[in-house]
Amino acid sequence: MAYVDGFLLAVPKDKLDAYKKMTETGAEVWMDHGALSYVECVGDDVPYGELTSFPRAVLAKDDEVVIFSWITYESKEKRDEVNAKVMADPRLHQDPASMPFDGKRMIFGGFTELTKR
């Protein structure tokens, strides 16, 4: 079964172009090192809920959009192998201060596949 890394974060609307450029490089790097797919999505219909919601989870501000993304791999072992290569790839090295989002509010985790059609 495939393995999935999932991500949820908030990006300031005025930094969305910079974020997109960063993700285009990221997609290239992950795919070059063996990921099966790399997907980035911008929230379009994600209301701020009273108790729980995507925006609430990342403490999104009025001037931010929610990003939901995932990367798929053949297995958890393959994910670990790919990510080790990705972290060593110089194309991704950038000053953390220049990141177009607040990494402290990013949620991420690894998931095993349950259902797929």
N, C-alpha and C. Protein backbone atom coordinates (compact mmCIF):
# COMPACT_ATOMS: atom_id res chain seq x y z
N MET A 1 0.82 -1.18 0.00
CA MET A 1 0.00 0.00 0.00
C MET A 1 0.87 1.25 0.00
N ALA A 2 0.36 2.29 -0.61
CA ALA A 2 1.09 3.56 -0.68
C ALA A 2 1.17 4.21 0.69
N TYR A 3 2.08 5.15 0.82
CA TYR A 3 2.26 5.93 2.03
C TYR A 3 2.12 7.39 1.64
N VAL A 4 1.51 8.20 2.53
CA VAL A 4 1.21 9.59 2.22
C VAL A 4 1.73 10.50 3.32
N ASP A 5 2.45 11.55 2.94
CA ASP A 5 2.77 12.64 3.86
C ASP A 5 1.76 13.74 3.58
N GLY A 6 1.07 14.21 4.62
CA GLY A 6 0.07 15.26 4.46
C GLY A 6 0.51 16.53 5.18
N PHE A 7 0.10 17.67 4.63
CA PHE A 7 0.50 18.97 5.16
C PHE A 7 -0.68 19.93 5.15
N LEU A 8 -0.77 20.78 6.15
CA LEU A 8 -1.77 21.83 6.22
C LEU A 8 -1.06 23.07 6.77
N LEU A 9 -1.20 24.19 6.06
CA LEU A 9 -0.54 25.42 6.49
C LEU A 9 -1.29 26.63 5.98
N ALA A 10 -0.92 27.79 6.49
CA ALA A 10 -1.52 29.05 6.06
C ALA A 10 -0.44 29.89 5.38
N VAL A 11 -0.81 30.49 4.25
CA VAL A 11 0.11 31.33 3.49
C VAL A 11 -0.53 32.71 3.31
N PRO A 12 0.21 33.79 3.61
CA PRO A 12 -0.33 35.12 3.34
C PRO A 12 -0.68 35.25 1.85
N LYS A 13 -1.84 35.84 1.58
CA LYS A 13 -2.28 35.97 0.19
C LYS A 13 -1.26 36.70 -0.67
N ASP A 14 -0.57 37.68 -0.10
CA ASP A 14 0.41 38.43 -0.89
C ASP A 14 1.72 37.67 -1.09
N LYS A 15 1.83 36.48 -0.50
CA LYS A 15 3.03 35.65 -0.69
C LYS A 15 2.70 34.36 -1.43
N LEU A 16 1.50 34.27 -1.97
CA LEU A 16 1.08 33.03 -2.64
C LEU A 16 1.94 32.74 -3.87
N ASP A 17 2.32 33.76 -4.64
CA ASP A 17 3.18 33.53 -5.80
C ASP A 17 4.55 32.99 -5.39
N ALA A 18 5.11 33.53 -4.31
CA ALA A 18 6.40 33.04 -3.80
C ALA A 18 6.26 31.60 -3.31
N TYR A 19 5.13 31.30 -2.66
CA TYR A 19 4.90 29.94 -2.19
C TYR A 19 4.78 28.98 -3.39
N LYS A 20 4.05 29.40 -4.41
CA LYS A 20 3.90 28.55 -5.60
C LYS A 20 5.26 28.26 -6.22
N LYS A 21 6.12 29.26 -6.32
CA LYS A 21 7.45 29.06 -6.89
C LYS A 21 8.24 28.05 -6.04
N MET A 22 8.13 28.19 -4.72
CA MET A 22 8.82 27.26 -3.82
C MET A 22 8.30 25.84 -4.02
N THR A 23 6.98 25.68 -4.20
CA THR A 23 6.42 24.34 -4.35
C THR A 23 6.75 23.72 -5.71
N GLU A 24 6.92 24.56 -6.72
CA GLU A 24 7.33 24.01 -8.02
C GLU A 24 8.72 23.39 -7.92
N THR A 25 9.60 24.04 -7.17
CA THR A 25 10.93 23.46 -6.92
C THR A 25 10.78 22.20 -6.07
N GLY A 26 9.96 22.28 -5.03
CA GLY A 26 9.75 21.12 -4.16
C GLY A 26 9.22 19.92 -4.92
N ALA A 27 8.25 20.16 -5.78
CA ALA A 27 7.68 19.06 -6.57
C ALA A 27 8.75 18.40 -7.42
N GLU A 28 9.57 19.22 -8.05
CA GLU A 28 10.64 18.68 -8.90
C GLU A 28 11.61 17.84 -8.08
N VAL A 29 11.99 18.34 -6.92
CA VAL A 29 12.95 17.63 -6.06
C VAL A 29 12.37 16.31 -5.57
N TRP A 30 11.14 16.34 -5.01
CA TRP A 30 10.55 15.10 -4.49
C TRP A 30 10.36 14.07 -5.60
N MET A 31 9.87 14.52 -6.75
CA MET A 31 9.65 13.59 -7.86
C MET A 31 10.98 13.04 -8.38
N ASP A 32 12.02 13.88 -8.46
CA ASP A 32 13.34 13.41 -8.90
C ASP A 32 13.89 12.32 -8.00
N HIS A 33 13.52 12.37 -6.71
CA HIS A 33 14.07 11.41 -5.75
C HIS A 33 13.15 10.22 -5.50
N GLY A 34 12.01 10.13 -6.22
CA GLY A 34 11.22 8.91 -6.15
C GLY A 34 9.81 9.01 -5.60
N ALA A 35 9.32 10.21 -5.28
CA ALA A 35 7.92 10.32 -4.86
C ALA A 35 7.02 9.92 -6.04
N LEU A 36 5.86 9.37 -5.74
CA LEU A 36 4.90 8.99 -6.78
C LEU A 36 4.07 10.17 -7.25
N SER A 37 3.74 11.08 -6.33
CA SER A 37 2.98 12.28 -6.68
C SER A 37 3.25 13.37 -5.66
N TYR A 38 2.99 14.60 -6.07
CA TYR A 38 3.19 15.78 -5.23
C TYR A 38 2.05 16.73 -5.58
N VAL A 39 1.19 17.04 -4.60
CA VAL A 39 0.00 17.86 -4.86
C VAL A 39 -0.07 19.00 -3.86
N GLU A 40 -0.32 20.22 -4.36
CA GLU A 40 -0.52 21.41 -3.53
C GLU A 40 -1.88 21.99 -3.90
N CYS A 41 -2.72 22.27 -2.90
CA CYS A 41 -4.06 22.82 -3.15
C CYS A 41 -4.26 24.07 -2.28
N VAL A 42 -4.92 25.07 -2.88
CA VAL A 42 -5.25 26.31 -2.17
C VAL A 42 -6.71 26.24 -1.75
N GLY A 43 -6.97 26.53 -0.49
CA GLY A 43 -8.33 26.51 0.02
C GLY A 43 -9.24 27.45 -0.75
N ASP A 44 -10.39 26.93 -1.15
CA ASP A 44 -11.36 27.70 -1.92
C ASP A 44 -12.71 27.75 -1.19
N ASP A 45 -13.02 26.70 -0.46
CA ASP A 45 -14.28 26.60 0.26
C ASP A 45 -13.98 26.00 1.63
N VAL A 46 -13.30 26.75 2.47
CA VAL A 46 -12.88 26.26 3.78
C VAL A 46 -13.28 27.28 4.85
N PRO A 47 -14.56 27.27 5.26
CA PRO A 47 -15.04 28.25 6.23
C PRO A 47 -14.37 28.06 7.60
N TYR A 48 -14.26 29.15 8.31
CA TYR A 48 -13.71 29.15 9.67
C TYR A 48 -14.80 28.61 10.59
N GLY A 49 -14.60 27.42 11.10
CA GLY A 49 -15.60 26.77 11.94
C GLY A 49 -15.63 27.30 13.36
N GLU A 50 -16.73 27.04 14.05
CA GLU A 50 -16.87 27.46 15.45
C GLU A 50 -15.98 26.66 16.38
N LEU A 51 -15.84 25.38 16.09
CA LEU A 51 -15.04 24.51 16.96
C LEU A 51 -13.80 23.98 16.24
N THR A 52 -13.99 23.42 15.03
CA THR A 52 -12.88 22.89 14.26
C THR A 52 -13.02 23.31 12.80
N SER A 53 -11.89 23.42 12.12
CA SER A 53 -11.88 23.73 10.69
C SER A 53 -10.43 23.76 10.23
N PHE A 54 -10.24 23.72 8.93
CA PHE A 54 -8.89 23.84 8.39
C PHE A 54 -8.27 25.18 8.79
N PRO A 55 -8.96 26.32 8.60
CA PRO A 55 -8.34 27.58 8.99
C PRO A 55 -8.03 27.66 10.49
N ARG A 56 -8.94 27.17 11.30
CA ARG A 56 -8.72 27.20 12.75
C ARG A 56 -7.50 26.36 13.14
N ALA A 57 -7.34 25.22 12.48
CA ALA A 57 -6.24 24.31 12.81
C ALA A 57 -4.87 24.97 12.64
N VAL A 58 -4.76 25.86 11.65
CA VAL A 58 -3.46 26.52 11.39
C VAL A 58 -3.47 27.99 11.81
N LEU A 59 -4.52 28.37 12.55
CA LEU A 59 -4.66 29.75 13.03
C LEU A 59 -4.55 30.76 11.88
N ALA A 60 -5.25 30.44 10.77
CA ALA A 60 -5.20 31.31 9.59
C ALA A 60 -5.80 32.68 9.91
N LYS A 61 -5.13 33.70 9.42
CA LYS A 61 -5.59 35.08 9.59
C LYS A 61 -6.42 35.48 8.38
N ASP A 62 -7.09 36.61 8.48
CA ASP A 62 -7.95 37.08 7.38
C ASP A 62 -7.21 37.27 6.07
N ASP A 63 -5.92 37.59 6.15
CA ASP A 63 -5.14 37.84 4.93
C ASP A 63 -4.35 36.61 4.47
N GLU A 64 -4.76 35.42 4.95
CA GLU A 64 -4.07 34.18 4.60
C GLU A 64 -5.03 33.19 3.94
N VAL A 65 -4.45 32.29 3.15
CA VAL A 65 -5.19 31.19 2.55
C VAL A 65 -4.65 29.89 3.13
N VAL A 66 -5.52 28.89 3.20
CA VAL A 66 -5.13 27.58 3.70
C VAL A 66 -4.62 26.75 2.54
N ILE A 67 -3.49 26.09 2.77
CA ILE A 67 -2.90 25.17 1.80
C ILE A 67 -3.02 23.76 2.36
N PHE A 68 -3.50 22.85 1.52
CA PHE A 68 -3.61 21.44 1.87
C PHE A 68 -2.80 20.70 0.82
N SER A 69 -1.83 19.91 1.24
CA SER A 69 -0.97 19.24 0.27
C SER A 69 -0.60 17.84 0.74
N TRP A 70 -0.16 17.04 -0.24
CA TRP A 70 0.28 15.70 0.09
C TRP A 70 1.28 15.20 -0.94
N ILE A 71 2.09 14.28 -0.46
CA ILE A 71 3.09 13.61 -1.30
C ILE A 71 2.89 12.12 -1.09
N THR A 72 2.87 11.36 -2.19
CA THR A 72 2.69 9.91 -2.04
C THR A 72 3.96 9.15 -2.40
N TYR A 73 4.09 7.99 -1.79
CA TYR A 73 5.27 7.13 -1.95
C TYR A 73 4.81 5.68 -2.06
N GLU A 74 5.69 4.81 -2.52
CA GLU A 74 5.39 3.38 -2.63
C GLU A 74 5.13 2.76 -1.26
N SER A 75 5.86 3.23 -0.23
CA SER A 75 5.78 2.66 1.11
C SER A 75 6.39 3.65 2.10
N LYS A 76 6.24 3.37 3.38
CA LYS A 76 6.87 4.22 4.40
C LYS A 76 8.39 4.15 4.27
N GLU A 77 8.90 2.96 3.99
CA GLU A 77 10.35 2.80 3.84
C GLU A 77 10.86 3.64 2.66
N LYS A 78 10.12 3.62 1.55
CA LYS A 78 10.50 4.43 0.39
C LYS A 78 10.40 5.91 0.74
N ARG A 79 9.39 6.30 1.52
CA ARG A 79 9.26 7.69 1.95
C ARG A 79 10.50 8.12 2.73
N ASP A 80 10.94 7.28 3.66
CA ASP A 80 12.11 7.62 4.46
C ASP A 80 13.35 7.76 3.57
N GLU A 81 13.48 6.90 2.59
CA GLU A 81 14.61 6.94 1.64
C GLU A 81 14.54 8.23 0.80
N VAL A 82 13.38 8.53 0.27
CA VAL A 82 13.19 9.72 -0.57
C VAL A 82 13.46 10.98 0.25
N ASN A 83 12.89 11.06 1.45
CA ASN A 83 13.05 12.26 2.26
C ASN A 83 14.50 12.49 2.68
N ALA A 84 15.26 11.44 2.91
CA ALA A 84 16.68 11.61 3.23
C ALA A 84 17.40 12.27 2.06
N LYS A 85 17.09 11.84 0.84
CA LYS A 85 17.71 12.44 -0.34
C LYS A 85 17.23 13.87 -0.54
N VAL A 86 15.95 14.11 -0.31
CA VAL A 86 15.38 15.46 -0.47
C VAL A 86 16.05 16.43 0.50
N MET A 87 16.20 16.04 1.74
CA MET A 87 16.78 16.93 2.74
C MET A 87 18.24 17.27 2.43
N ALA A 88 18.92 16.41 1.68
CA ALA A 88 20.31 16.67 1.30
C ALA A 88 20.41 17.42 -0.03
N ASP A 89 19.31 17.62 -0.71
CA ASP A 89 19.32 18.25 -2.03
C ASP A 89 19.50 19.76 -1.91
N PRO A 90 20.54 20.31 -2.52
CA PRO A 90 20.81 21.76 -2.40
C PRO A 90 19.74 22.65 -3.02
N ARG A 91 18.89 22.11 -3.87
CA ARG A 91 17.83 22.94 -4.48
C ARG A 91 16.82 23.42 -3.45
N LEU A 92 16.74 22.75 -2.31
CA LEU A 92 15.76 23.13 -1.29
C LEU A 92 16.33 23.99 -0.18
N HIS A 93 17.62 24.16 -0.15
CA HIS A 93 18.22 24.92 0.93
C HIS A 93 17.93 26.40 0.74
N GLN A 94 17.23 26.98 1.73
CA GLN A 94 16.92 28.40 1.69
C GLN A 94 16.87 28.90 3.11
N ASP A 95 17.12 30.17 3.27
CA ASP A 95 17.10 30.80 4.58
C ASP A 95 15.68 30.70 5.16
N PRO A 96 15.52 30.11 6.34
CA PRO A 96 14.19 29.97 6.93
C PRO A 96 13.45 31.31 7.05
N ALA A 97 14.17 32.38 7.23
CA ALA A 97 13.54 33.71 7.34
C ALA A 97 12.88 34.15 6.03
N SER A 98 13.31 33.56 4.92
CA SER A 98 12.73 33.95 3.63
C SER A 98 11.55 33.06 3.21
N MET A 99 11.17 32.13 4.06
CA MET A 99 10.04 31.26 3.74
C MET A 99 8.76 32.09 3.65
N PRO A 100 7.89 31.80 2.67
CA PRO A 100 6.68 32.60 2.49
C PRO A 100 5.50 32.17 3.38
N PHE A 101 5.79 31.49 4.48
CA PHE A 101 4.74 31.09 5.44
C PHE A 101 5.38 30.85 6.79
N ASP A 102 4.55 30.78 7.82
CA ASP A 102 5.01 30.55 9.18
C ASP A 102 5.03 29.04 9.44
N GLY A 103 6.22 28.46 9.39
CA GLY A 103 6.36 27.02 9.57
C GLY A 103 5.92 26.51 10.93
N LYS A 104 5.85 27.40 11.92
CA LYS A 104 5.42 26.98 13.26
C LYS A 104 3.95 26.60 13.29
N ARG A 105 3.18 27.08 12.31
CA ARG A 105 1.75 26.76 12.27
C ARG A 105 1.43 25.67 11.26
N MET A 106 2.44 25.06 10.69
CA MET A 106 2.21 23.97 9.73
C MET A 106 1.93 22.67 10.49
N ILE A 107 0.94 21.93 10.00
CA ILE A 107 0.62 20.62 10.55
C ILE A 107 1.04 19.59 9.50
N PHE A 108 1.69 18.52 9.93
CA PHE A 108 2.10 17.50 8.97
C PHE A 108 2.12 16.14 9.65
N GLY A 109 2.05 15.12 8.84
CA GLY A 109 2.11 13.77 9.38
C GLY A 109 2.14 12.74 8.27
N GLY A 110 2.52 11.52 8.63
CA GLY A 110 2.57 10.41 7.68
C GLY A 110 1.38 9.50 7.88
N PHE A 111 0.84 8.99 6.76
CA PHE A 111 -0.38 8.20 6.80
C PHE A 111 -0.26 6.95 5.94
N THR A 112 -0.78 5.84 6.45
CA THR A 112 -0.90 4.65 5.62
C THR A 112 -2.24 4.70 4.93
N GLU A 113 -2.28 4.14 3.74
CA GLU A 113 -3.49 4.15 2.93
C GLU A 113 -4.54 3.23 3.55
N LEU A 114 -5.79 3.71 3.60
CA LEU A 114 -6.89 2.90 4.12
C LEU A 114 -7.81 2.46 2.99
N THR A 115 -8.24 3.40 2.16
CA THR A 115 -9.12 3.10 1.03
C THR A 115 -8.65 3.88 -0.18
N LYS A 116 -8.65 3.23 -1.33
CA LYS A 116 -8.26 3.90 -2.57
C LYS A 116 -9.05 3.28 -3.72
N ARG A 117 -9.51 4.11 -4.62
CA ARG A 117 -10.22 3.62 -5.81
C ARG A 117 -9.56 4.16 -7.03
